[in-house]
N, C-alpha and C. Protein backbone atom coordinates (compact mmCIF):
# COMPACT_ATOMS: atom_id res chain seq x y z
N UNK A 1 -229.06 -138.48 -75.67
CA UNK A 1 -229.67 -139.49 -74.89
C UNK A 1 -229.02 -140.39 -73.61
N UNK A 2 -227.68 -140.30 -74.22
CA UNK A 2 -226.76 -140.93 -73.27
C UNK A 2 -226.81 -140.13 -71.86
N UNK A 3 -226.36 -138.92 -71.71
CA UNK A 3 -226.72 -138.27 -70.47
C UNK A 3 -227.71 -138.60 -69.49
N UNK A 4 -229.05 -138.72 -70.72
CA UNK A 4 -230.33 -138.76 -70.12
C UNK A 4 -230.17 -140.05 -68.89
N UNK A 5 -229.58 -141.07 -69.37
CA UNK A 5 -229.92 -142.32 -68.65
C UNK A 5 -229.32 -142.11 -67.10
N UNK A 6 -228.28 -141.28 -66.99
CA UNK A 6 -228.03 -141.06 -65.33
C UNK A 6 -229.05 -140.45 -64.63
N UNK A 7 -230.00 -139.90 -65.38
CA UNK A 7 -230.96 -139.68 -64.35
C UNK A 7 -231.93 -140.92 -63.82
N UNK A 8 -232.07 -142.03 -64.70
CA UNK A 8 -232.58 -143.00 -64.51
C UNK A 8 -232.19 -143.88 -63.08
N UNK A 9 -230.92 -143.63 -62.70
CA UNK A 9 -230.45 -144.01 -61.55
C UNK A 9 -231.11 -143.72 -60.24
N UNK A 10 -232.17 -142.81 -60.25
CA UNK A 10 -232.65 -142.28 -58.99
C UNK A 10 -233.28 -143.56 -58.74
N UNK A 11 -234.26 -144.35 -59.30
CA UNK A 11 -234.84 -145.63 -58.90
C UNK A 11 -233.91 -146.35 -58.22
N UNK A 12 -232.56 -146.71 -58.57
CA UNK A 12 -231.98 -147.24 -57.94
C UNK A 12 -231.33 -147.33 -56.67
N UNK A 13 -231.29 -145.65 -56.64
CA UNK A 13 -230.95 -145.12 -55.26
C UNK A 13 -232.20 -145.04 -54.29
N UNK A 14 -233.46 -145.06 -54.90
CA UNK A 14 -234.54 -144.95 -53.85
C UNK A 14 -234.40 -146.03 -52.80
N UNK A 15 -233.60 -147.52 -53.13
CA UNK A 15 -233.26 -148.09 -52.14
C UNK A 15 -232.88 -147.58 -50.93
N UNK A 16 -231.97 -146.59 -50.88
CA UNK A 16 -231.47 -146.07 -49.87
C UNK A 16 -232.18 -145.18 -48.80
N UNK A 17 -233.47 -145.08 -49.03
CA UNK A 17 -234.34 -143.90 -48.28
C UNK A 17 -234.53 -144.88 -47.35
N UNK A 18 -234.79 -146.16 -47.07
CA UNK A 18 -234.85 -146.95 -45.74
C UNK A 18 -233.82 -146.54 -44.90
N UNK A 19 -232.76 -146.19 -45.22
CA UNK A 19 -231.48 -145.89 -44.29
C UNK A 19 -231.30 -144.74 -43.83
N UNK A 20 -232.40 -143.70 -44.24
CA UNK A 20 -232.12 -142.35 -43.73
C UNK A 20 -232.77 -142.32 -42.58
N UNK A 21 -232.28 -141.44 -41.61
CA UNK A 21 -233.06 -141.04 -40.48
C UNK A 21 -234.64 -140.55 -40.87
N UNK A 22 -234.58 -139.49 -41.80
CA UNK A 22 -236.03 -138.72 -41.84
C UNK A 22 -236.58 -139.23 -43.27
N UNK A 23 -236.86 -140.46 -43.55
CA UNK A 23 -237.17 -140.93 -45.02
C UNK A 23 -238.30 -139.47 -45.63
N UNK A 24 -239.12 -139.14 -44.92
CA UNK A 24 -240.09 -138.40 -45.55
C UNK A 24 -239.09 -137.23 -46.04
N UNK A 25 -238.23 -136.76 -45.95
CA UNK A 25 -237.41 -135.49 -46.79
C UNK A 25 -236.60 -136.17 -47.76
N UNK A 26 -236.80 -137.44 -48.44
CA UNK A 26 -236.25 -138.05 -49.37
C UNK A 26 -236.62 -137.43 -51.06
N UNK A 27 -237.84 -137.31 -50.99
CA UNK A 27 -238.28 -136.61 -52.65
C UNK A 27 -237.66 -135.28 -52.61
N UNK A 28 -237.66 -134.29 -51.32
CA UNK A 28 -237.25 -132.91 -51.44
C UNK A 28 -235.41 -133.17 -51.92
N UNK A 29 -234.99 -134.18 -51.15
CA UNK A 29 -233.58 -134.19 -50.95
C UNK A 29 -233.05 -134.64 -52.38
N UNK A 30 -233.82 -135.46 -53.01
CA UNK A 30 -233.70 -136.14 -54.51
C UNK A 30 -233.51 -135.11 -55.36
N UNK A 31 -235.01 -134.18 -55.30
CA UNK A 31 -235.11 -133.05 -56.25
C UNK A 31 -233.93 -132.21 -56.30
N UNK A 32 -233.35 -131.81 -55.03
CA UNK A 32 -232.27 -130.79 -54.89
C UNK A 32 -230.99 -131.23 -55.24
N UNK A 33 -230.91 -132.33 -55.43
CA UNK A 33 -229.56 -133.17 -55.75
C UNK A 33 -229.75 -133.19 -57.43
N UNK A 34 -231.16 -133.47 -57.95
CA UNK A 34 -231.10 -133.64 -59.31
C UNK A 34 -231.00 -132.25 -59.87
N UNK A 35 -231.63 -131.47 -59.00
CA UNK A 35 -231.53 -129.93 -59.39
C UNK A 35 -230.08 -129.64 -59.91
N UNK A 36 -229.01 -129.69 -58.57
CA UNK A 36 -227.68 -129.60 -58.71
C UNK A 36 -227.07 -129.99 -59.79
N UNK A 37 -227.19 -131.34 -60.06
CA UNK A 37 -226.76 -132.24 -60.94
C UNK A 37 -227.07 -131.55 -62.39
N UNK A 38 -228.24 -131.03 -62.71
CA UNK A 38 -228.75 -130.57 -63.76
C UNK A 38 -227.99 -129.56 -64.13
N UNK A 39 -227.95 -128.39 -62.95
CA UNK A 39 -227.55 -127.01 -63.13
C UNK A 39 -225.75 -127.28 -63.68
N UNK A 40 -225.20 -128.25 -62.97
CA UNK A 40 -223.60 -128.40 -63.40
C UNK A 40 -223.67 -128.86 -64.57
N UNK A 41 -224.57 -129.74 -64.91
CA UNK A 41 -224.53 -130.55 -66.50
C UNK A 41 -224.77 -129.18 -67.44
N UNK A 42 -225.51 -128.48 -67.06
CA UNK A 42 -225.77 -127.30 -68.19
C UNK A 42 -225.13 -126.53 -68.32
N UNK A 43 -224.24 -126.08 -67.21
CA UNK A 43 -223.22 -125.17 -67.25
C UNK A 43 -221.97 -125.51 -67.90
N UNK A 44 -221.75 -127.04 -67.71
CA UNK A 44 -220.47 -127.66 -68.18
C UNK A 44 -220.82 -127.49 -69.71
N UNK A 45 -221.87 -127.98 -70.28
CA UNK A 45 -222.07 -128.13 -71.66
C UNK A 45 -222.08 -126.87 -72.21
N UNK A 46 -222.56 -125.73 -71.60
CA UNK A 46 -222.45 -124.24 -72.49
C UNK A 46 -220.95 -124.16 -72.19
N UNK A 47 -220.26 -124.34 -71.46
CA UNK A 47 -218.88 -124.28 -71.24
C UNK A 47 -218.00 -124.66 -72.69
N UNK A 48 -218.26 -126.28 -72.67
CA UNK A 48 -217.68 -126.87 -73.62
C UNK A 48 -218.27 -126.46 -74.98
N UNK A 49 -219.56 -125.86 -75.21
CA UNK A 49 -219.92 -125.52 -76.27
C UNK A 49 -219.23 -124.15 -76.81
N UNK A 50 -219.06 -123.11 -75.77
CA UNK A 50 -218.56 -122.07 -75.79
C UNK A 50 -216.79 -122.13 -76.45
N UNK A 51 -216.13 -123.19 -75.83
CA UNK A 51 -214.83 -123.07 -76.06
C UNK A 51 -214.84 -123.91 -77.50
N UNK A 52 -215.33 -124.61 -77.61
CA UNK A 52 -215.01 -125.79 -79.06
C UNK A 52 -216.16 -125.88 -79.69
N UNK A 53 -217.22 -125.38 -79.84
CA UNK A 53 -218.19 -124.98 -80.59
C UNK A 53 -219.27 -126.43 -80.89
N UNK A 54 -220.60 -126.04 -81.31
CA UNK A 54 -221.28 -127.45 -81.05
C UNK A 54 -220.67 -128.66 -82.09
N UNK A 55 -220.16 -128.23 -83.12
CA UNK A 55 -219.61 -128.98 -84.10
C UNK A 55 -218.63 -130.22 -83.60
N UNK A 56 -217.56 -129.47 -83.05
CA UNK A 56 -216.34 -130.14 -82.75
C UNK A 56 -216.75 -130.71 -81.35
N UNK A 57 -217.64 -130.09 -80.51
CA UNK A 57 -217.85 -130.81 -79.19
C UNK A 57 -218.70 -132.18 -79.38
N UNK A 58 -219.72 -132.18 -80.38
CA UNK A 58 -220.59 -133.24 -80.83
C UNK A 58 -219.97 -134.56 -81.16
N UNK A 59 -218.14 -134.30 -81.80
CA UNK A 59 -217.58 -135.76 -81.93
C UNK A 59 -216.53 -135.87 -81.04
N UNK A 60 -216.47 -135.29 -80.00
CA UNK A 60 -215.66 -135.62 -78.99
C UNK A 60 -215.98 -136.65 -77.75
N UNK A 61 -215.57 -137.57 -77.04
CA UNK A 61 -215.86 -138.71 -76.54
C UNK A 61 -215.98 -137.97 -75.23
N UNK A 62 -214.90 -137.31 -74.40
CA UNK A 62 -215.09 -136.64 -73.55
C UNK A 62 -214.74 -135.11 -73.28
N UNK A 63 -215.64 -134.14 -73.90
CA UNK A 63 -215.32 -132.88 -74.26
C UNK A 63 -214.97 -132.26 -73.02
N UNK A 64 -215.81 -132.20 -71.56
CA UNK A 64 -215.18 -131.61 -70.63
C UNK A 64 -213.97 -131.68 -70.27
N UNK A 65 -213.53 -133.11 -70.34
CA UNK A 65 -212.19 -133.01 -69.71
C UNK A 65 -211.09 -132.57 -70.68
N UNK A 66 -211.32 -132.79 -72.28
CA UNK A 66 -210.44 -131.96 -73.07
C UNK A 66 -210.51 -130.30 -72.78
N UNK A 67 -211.66 -130.10 -72.32
CA UNK A 67 -211.58 -128.67 -72.38
C UNK A 67 -210.78 -128.13 -70.91
N UNK A 68 -211.20 -128.73 -70.27
CA UNK A 68 -210.30 -128.53 -68.86
C UNK A 68 -208.76 -128.65 -69.12
N UNK A 69 -208.19 -129.38 -70.09
CA UNK A 69 -206.77 -129.32 -70.18
C UNK A 69 -206.09 -128.07 -70.71
N UNK A 70 -207.17 -127.33 -71.27
CA UNK A 70 -206.72 -126.04 -71.69
C UNK A 70 -206.85 -124.87 -70.69
N UNK A 71 -207.15 -125.19 -69.89
CA UNK A 71 -207.37 -124.27 -68.65
C UNK A 71 -205.71 -123.68 -68.24
N UNK A 72 -205.47 -122.43 -68.20
CA UNK A 72 -204.36 -121.87 -67.58
C UNK A 72 -204.58 -120.62 -66.92
N UNK A 73 -204.31 -120.08 -65.73
CA UNK A 73 -204.60 -119.06 -65.06
C UNK A 73 -203.31 -118.26 -64.79
N UNK A 74 -202.61 -117.31 -65.27
CA UNK A 74 -201.67 -116.51 -65.30
C UNK A 74 -200.23 -117.27 -65.58
N UNK A 75 -200.48 -118.39 -66.11
CA UNK A 75 -199.11 -119.22 -66.52
C UNK A 75 -198.65 -119.94 -65.29
N UNK A 76 -199.57 -119.91 -64.13
CA UNK A 76 -198.88 -120.71 -62.98
C UNK A 76 -199.92 -121.70 -62.63
N UNK A 77 -201.03 -121.33 -62.60
CA UNK A 77 -202.29 -122.61 -62.33
C UNK A 77 -202.64 -123.29 -63.62
N UNK A 78 -202.00 -124.61 -63.95
CA UNK A 78 -202.35 -125.46 -64.98
C UNK A 78 -202.48 -126.70 -64.55
N UNK A 79 -202.74 -127.38 -65.66
CA UNK A 79 -202.95 -129.09 -65.08
C UNK A 79 -204.07 -129.34 -64.32
N UNK A 80 -204.95 -128.46 -64.41
CA UNK A 80 -206.39 -128.79 -63.87
C UNK A 80 -206.99 -130.31 -63.83
N UNK A 81 -206.53 -130.87 -64.93
CA UNK A 81 -207.17 -132.00 -65.47
C UNK A 81 -207.02 -132.84 -64.41
N UNK A 82 -205.81 -132.95 -63.55
CA UNK A 82 -205.46 -134.00 -62.59
C UNK A 82 -206.63 -133.61 -61.36
N UNK A 83 -207.13 -132.56 -61.31
CA UNK A 83 -208.01 -132.29 -60.22
C UNK A 83 -209.60 -132.97 -60.74
N UNK A 84 -209.82 -132.77 -61.81
CA UNK A 84 -211.01 -133.09 -62.45
C UNK A 84 -210.79 -134.98 -62.61
N UNK A 85 -209.81 -135.40 -63.05
CA UNK A 85 -209.75 -136.93 -62.91
C UNK A 85 -209.68 -137.43 -61.56
N UNK A 86 -209.11 -136.86 -60.72
CA UNK A 86 -209.32 -137.10 -59.07
C UNK A 86 -210.76 -137.14 -58.81
N UNK A 87 -211.70 -135.95 -58.91
CA UNK A 87 -212.89 -136.09 -58.61
C UNK A 87 -213.38 -137.08 -59.13
N UNK A 88 -213.38 -137.23 -60.81
CA UNK A 88 -213.89 -138.36 -61.33
C UNK A 88 -213.89 -139.94 -60.77
N UNK A 89 -212.73 -140.14 -60.66
CA UNK A 89 -212.27 -141.30 -59.97
C UNK A 89 -212.96 -141.57 -58.70
N UNK A 90 -212.83 -140.37 -57.48
CA UNK A 90 -213.60 -140.59 -56.30
C UNK A 90 -215.05 -140.87 -56.65
N UNK A 91 -215.88 -140.17 -57.25
CA UNK A 91 -217.22 -140.15 -57.66
C UNK A 91 -217.35 -141.67 -58.28
N UNK A 92 -216.49 -141.85 -59.29
CA UNK A 92 -216.95 -143.44 -59.79
C UNK A 92 -216.76 -144.36 -58.70
N UNK A 93 -215.92 -144.40 -57.72
CA UNK A 93 -215.83 -145.32 -56.76
C UNK A 93 -216.92 -144.98 -55.88
N UNK A 94 -217.45 -144.13 -55.30
CA UNK A 94 -218.56 -143.97 -54.68
C UNK A 94 -219.65 -144.44 -55.36
N UNK A 95 -220.16 -144.56 -56.56
CA UNK A 95 -221.03 -144.73 -57.18
C UNK A 95 -220.82 -146.27 -57.42
N UNK A 96 -219.77 -146.76 -57.66
CA UNK A 96 -219.69 -148.10 -57.87
C UNK A 96 -219.88 -148.85 -56.62
N UNK A 97 -219.39 -148.41 -55.32
CA UNK A 97 -219.56 -148.98 -54.30
C UNK A 97 -221.13 -149.02 -53.52
N UNK A 98 -221.71 -147.84 -54.14
CA UNK A 98 -223.20 -147.85 -53.76
C UNK A 98 -224.16 -148.88 -54.65
N UNK A 99 -223.41 -149.01 -55.85
CA UNK A 99 -224.42 -150.06 -56.45
C UNK A 99 -224.19 -151.32 -56.31
N UNK A 100 -223.02 -151.66 -55.73
CA UNK A 100 -222.41 -152.91 -55.25
C UNK A 100 -223.27 -153.43 -54.03
N UNK A 101 -223.55 -152.34 -53.23
CA UNK A 101 -224.20 -152.48 -51.83
C UNK A 101 -225.72 -152.84 -52.46
N UNK A 102 -226.31 -152.13 -53.48
CA UNK A 102 -227.77 -151.96 -53.86
C UNK A 102 -227.82 -153.41 -54.42
N UNK A 103 -226.87 -153.96 -54.92
CA UNK A 103 -226.87 -155.16 -55.65
C UNK A 103 -226.76 -156.04 -54.52
N UNK A 104 -226.05 -156.17 -53.57
CA UNK A 104 -226.17 -157.25 -52.43
C UNK A 104 -227.43 -157.23 -51.73
N UNK A 105 -227.66 -156.23 -51.43
CA UNK A 105 -228.61 -155.68 -50.29
C UNK A 105 -230.16 -156.17 -51.19
N UNK A 106 -230.29 -155.89 -52.34
CA UNK A 106 -231.49 -155.93 -52.82
C UNK A 106 -231.73 -157.71 -53.60
N UNK A 107 -230.44 -158.06 -53.52
CA UNK A 107 -230.58 -159.41 -54.07
C UNK A 107 -230.83 -160.20 -52.82
N UNK A 108 -230.35 -160.07 -51.40
CA UNK A 108 -230.95 -160.67 -50.38
C UNK A 108 -232.14 -160.39 -50.06
N UNK A 109 -232.53 -159.36 -50.31
CA UNK A 109 -234.07 -159.01 -50.04
C UNK A 109 -234.97 -160.03 -51.11
N UNK A 110 -234.59 -159.85 -52.16
CA UNK A 110 -235.25 -160.75 -53.20
C UNK A 110 -235.38 -162.29 -52.87
N UNK A 111 -234.23 -162.74 -52.49
CA UNK A 111 -233.94 -164.16 -51.98
C UNK A 111 -234.27 -164.98 -50.91
N UNK A 112 -234.62 -163.31 -49.81
CA UNK A 112 -235.15 -163.80 -48.59
C UNK A 112 -233.81 -164.39 -47.57
N UNK A 113 -232.66 -163.61 -47.95
CA UNK A 113 -231.62 -164.07 -47.24
C UNK A 113 -231.23 -162.89 -45.96
N UNK A 114 -230.99 -163.30 -44.86
CA UNK A 114 -231.06 -162.34 -44.01
C UNK A 114 -229.68 -161.66 -43.62
N UNK A 115 -228.54 -162.35 -43.93
CA UNK A 115 -227.63 -161.68 -43.88
C UNK A 115 -227.08 -161.39 -45.31
N UNK A 116 -227.07 -159.89 -45.79
CA UNK A 116 -226.75 -159.77 -47.22
C UNK A 116 -225.62 -159.66 -47.74
N UNK A 117 -224.56 -159.63 -46.39
CA UNK A 117 -222.86 -159.33 -46.43
C UNK A 117 -222.53 -161.12 -47.13
N UNK A 118 -223.23 -161.71 -47.10
CA UNK A 118 -222.53 -163.40 -47.28
C UNK A 118 -222.84 -163.20 -48.79
N UNK A 119 -223.59 -162.17 -49.60
CA UNK A 119 -223.73 -162.42 -51.07
C UNK A 119 -222.69 -161.52 -51.72
N UNK A 120 -221.51 -160.94 -50.77
CA UNK A 120 -220.62 -160.35 -51.31
C UNK A 120 -219.56 -161.14 -52.38
N UNK A 121 -219.56 -162.18 -51.67
CA UNK A 121 -218.68 -163.32 -52.35
C UNK A 121 -218.81 -163.95 -53.84
N UNK A 122 -220.45 -163.66 -53.75
CA UNK A 122 -221.27 -164.32 -54.93
C UNK A 122 -221.17 -163.26 -56.40
N UNK A 123 -221.74 -161.91 -55.68
CA UNK A 123 -221.52 -160.95 -56.66
C UNK A 123 -220.38 -160.51 -56.87
N UNK A 124 -219.38 -160.34 -56.14
CA UNK A 124 -218.70 -159.35 -56.74
C UNK A 124 -217.30 -160.28 -58.05
N UNK A 125 -217.45 -161.71 -57.94
CA UNK A 125 -216.84 -162.25 -58.99
C UNK A 125 -217.83 -162.06 -60.37
N UNK A 126 -219.16 -162.06 -60.29
CA UNK A 126 -219.88 -161.54 -61.41
C UNK A 126 -219.52 -160.29 -61.78
N UNK A 127 -219.48 -159.24 -61.20
CA UNK A 127 -219.38 -158.02 -61.49
C UNK A 127 -217.91 -157.85 -61.96
N UNK A 128 -216.65 -158.74 -61.60
CA UNK A 128 -215.52 -158.34 -62.15
C UNK A 128 -215.55 -159.23 -63.80
N UNK A 129 -216.35 -160.32 -63.49
CA UNK A 129 -216.29 -161.03 -65.23
C UNK A 129 -216.87 -159.90 -65.86
N UNK A 130 -218.01 -159.47 -65.59
CA UNK A 130 -218.63 -158.23 -66.27
C UNK A 130 -217.74 -157.01 -66.82
N UNK A 131 -216.62 -156.94 -65.85
CA UNK A 131 -215.72 -155.79 -66.20
C UNK A 131 -214.94 -155.96 -67.43
N UNK A 132 -214.51 -157.23 -67.33
CA UNK A 132 -213.42 -157.98 -68.11
C UNK A 132 -214.40 -158.15 -69.99
N UNK A 133 -215.53 -158.29 -69.90
CA UNK A 133 -216.34 -158.36 -71.03
C UNK A 133 -215.78 -157.05 -72.07
N UNK A 134 -215.57 -156.04 -71.88
CA UNK A 134 -215.41 -154.88 -72.17
C UNK A 134 -213.87 -154.67 -72.87
N UNK A 135 -213.34 -154.82 -73.70
CA UNK A 135 -212.03 -154.86 -73.84
C UNK A 135 -211.37 -153.25 -73.81
N UNK A 136 -212.19 -152.51 -74.40
CA UNK A 136 -211.14 -150.96 -74.51
C UNK A 136 -212.59 -149.84 -74.28
N UNK A 137 -212.37 -148.71 -74.37
CA UNK A 137 -212.94 -147.72 -74.18
C UNK A 137 -213.99 -147.42 -74.92
N UNK A 138 -213.87 -147.74 -76.26
CA UNK A 138 -214.84 -147.17 -77.34
C UNK A 138 -215.71 -148.38 -77.09
N UNK A 139 -215.33 -149.78 -76.78
CA UNK A 139 -216.76 -150.66 -76.55
C UNK A 139 -217.58 -150.29 -75.11
N UNK A 140 -216.94 -149.82 -73.96
CA UNK A 140 -217.43 -149.96 -72.91
C UNK A 140 -218.17 -148.69 -72.83
N UNK A 141 -217.57 -147.44 -73.39
CA UNK A 141 -218.07 -146.09 -73.56
C UNK A 141 -219.29 -146.05 -74.44
N UNK A 142 -219.26 -146.40 -75.82
CA UNK A 142 -219.75 -145.80 -76.93
C UNK A 142 -221.17 -147.32 -77.18
N UNK A 143 -220.20 -148.48 -77.54
CA UNK A 143 -221.15 -149.52 -77.90
C UNK A 143 -222.21 -149.89 -76.94
N UNK A 144 -221.61 -150.02 -75.93
CA UNK A 144 -222.27 -150.24 -74.51
C UNK A 144 -223.72 -149.41 -74.52
N UNK A 145 -223.28 -148.23 -74.55
CA UNK A 145 -224.51 -147.02 -74.17
C UNK A 145 -225.41 -147.35 -75.30
N UNK A 146 -225.06 -147.28 -76.47
CA UNK A 146 -225.71 -147.12 -77.79
C UNK A 146 -226.54 -148.49 -77.96
N UNK A 147 -225.97 -149.71 -77.82
CA UNK A 147 -226.57 -150.83 -77.74
C UNK A 147 -227.51 -151.69 -76.80
N UNK A 148 -227.16 -151.20 -75.43
CA UNK A 148 -227.51 -151.77 -74.45
C UNK A 148 -228.29 -150.86 -73.28
N UNK A 149 -227.59 -149.80 -73.04
CA UNK A 149 -228.21 -148.85 -71.98
C UNK A 149 -229.35 -148.18 -72.47
N UNK A 150 -229.18 -146.98 -73.68
CA UNK A 150 -230.44 -146.63 -74.15
C UNK A 150 -231.62 -147.30 -74.67
N UNK A 151 -231.61 -148.28 -75.38
CA UNK A 151 -232.84 -149.04 -75.75
C UNK A 151 -233.22 -149.79 -74.50
N UNK A 152 -232.42 -150.61 -73.69
CA UNK A 152 -233.14 -151.46 -72.89
C UNK A 152 -233.35 -150.85 -71.42
N UNK A 153 -231.96 -150.43 -70.80
CA UNK A 153 -232.16 -150.02 -69.28
C UNK A 153 -232.76 -148.57 -69.06
N UNK A 154 -232.31 -147.75 -70.15
CA UNK A 154 -233.16 -146.29 -69.95
C UNK A 154 -234.50 -146.75 -69.93
N UNK A 155 -235.28 -147.20 -70.78
CA UNK A 155 -236.77 -147.51 -70.68
C UNK A 155 -237.06 -147.97 -69.38
N UNK A 156 -236.34 -149.10 -69.01
CA UNK A 156 -236.83 -149.69 -67.99
C UNK A 156 -236.57 -148.73 -66.52
N UNK A 157 -235.61 -148.20 -66.33
CA UNK A 157 -235.34 -147.44 -65.36
C UNK A 157 -236.24 -145.99 -65.25
N UNK A 158 -236.53 -145.77 -66.49
CA UNK A 158 -237.02 -144.09 -66.35
C UNK A 158 -238.67 -144.35 -66.51
N UNK A 159 -238.76 -145.15 -67.04
CA UNK A 159 -240.58 -145.53 -67.39
C UNK A 159 -241.06 -146.82 -66.57
N UNK A 160 -240.44 -148.10 -67.01
CA UNK A 160 -240.95 -149.32 -66.33
C UNK A 160 -240.94 -149.45 -64.73
N UNK A 161 -239.85 -149.30 -64.41
CA UNK A 161 -239.58 -149.41 -62.89
C UNK A 161 -240.86 -148.47 -62.23
N UNK A 162 -240.69 -147.19 -62.53
CA UNK A 162 -241.50 -145.98 -61.72
C UNK A 162 -242.95 -146.31 -61.92
N UNK A 163 -243.29 -146.49 -63.33
CA UNK A 163 -244.83 -146.94 -63.53
C UNK A 163 -245.16 -148.28 -62.96
N UNK A 164 -244.32 -149.08 -62.93
CA UNK A 164 -244.77 -150.28 -61.95
C UNK A 164 -244.90 -150.12 -60.29
N UNK A 165 -244.08 -149.41 -59.99
CA UNK A 165 -244.27 -148.92 -58.33
C UNK A 165 -245.31 -148.06 -58.12
N UNK A 166 -245.52 -147.25 -59.09
CA UNK A 166 -247.03 -146.52 -59.02
C UNK A 166 -248.27 -147.39 -59.15
N UNK A 167 -248.27 -148.25 -59.85
CA UNK A 167 -249.29 -149.36 -60.25
C UNK A 167 -249.62 -149.88 -58.93
N UNK A 168 -248.31 -150.47 -58.66
CA UNK A 168 -248.57 -151.37 -57.42
C UNK A 168 -248.71 -150.57 -55.64
N UNK A 169 -248.46 -149.40 -55.90
CA UNK A 169 -248.61 -148.34 -54.76
C UNK A 169 -250.25 -148.20 -54.73
N UNK A 170 -250.96 -147.69 -55.87
CA UNK A 170 -251.94 -147.48 -56.26
C UNK A 170 -253.00 -148.51 -55.88
N UNK A 171 -252.71 -150.03 -56.23
CA UNK A 171 -253.51 -151.08 -56.10
C UNK A 171 -253.48 -151.33 -54.34
N UNK A 172 -252.15 -151.37 -53.78
CA UNK A 172 -252.18 -151.17 -52.45
C UNK A 172 -253.07 -150.48 -51.74
N UNK A 173 -253.18 -149.11 -52.22
CA UNK A 173 -253.82 -148.20 -51.23
C UNK A 173 -255.30 -148.36 -51.68
N UNK A 174 -255.85 -148.71 -52.65
CA UNK A 174 -257.03 -149.13 -53.02
C UNK A 174 -257.69 -150.19 -52.26
N UNK A 175 -256.86 -151.28 -52.26
CA UNK A 175 -257.38 -152.79 -51.77
C UNK A 175 -256.62 -152.88 -50.17
N UNK A 176 -255.73 -152.38 -49.90
CA UNK A 176 -255.22 -152.79 -48.49
C UNK A 176 -255.70 -151.43 -47.52
N UNK A 177 -256.45 -151.70 -46.61
CA UNK A 177 -256.61 -150.62 -45.68
C UNK A 177 -255.92 -150.74 -44.36
N UNK A 178 -255.54 -149.73 -43.57
CA UNK A 178 -254.68 -149.72 -42.66
C UNK A 178 -255.33 -149.86 -41.30
């Protein structure tokens, strides 16, 4: 269930459609991106299962990273885990930057504030305090996901928000004529 929660983030990224030059291409690009992510996730999961087996890999916290540490090509290409960590850090930075922008921009729209940049000074300290709430990797990676993300956020992102948007779109289409 934990990896499935990342697919729910498509609702948050849907806010970026209004910034696209051709917003009608958004569904095609979203499905293409989701397809690439699913393919890479399946391939990496298969590699992990082929290397460690299903029993051992199920008990690992980050099995793909542990698998990459064993890679050695001809004795001279080793330590590829550094590249994976670099890709991981860059992707997390981009993802958090997008979420920070979405938080500021969405809050500005919700509160009818014209300049969303002013909210940066209010939202950044809130995010910083939330980052300090979890003292170690076990709490943030495992307990947070099992206690908060899967039972609360996942159903809201995967079922609640899309269902609400679909209902509102149908109501608007039915009662609002252009």
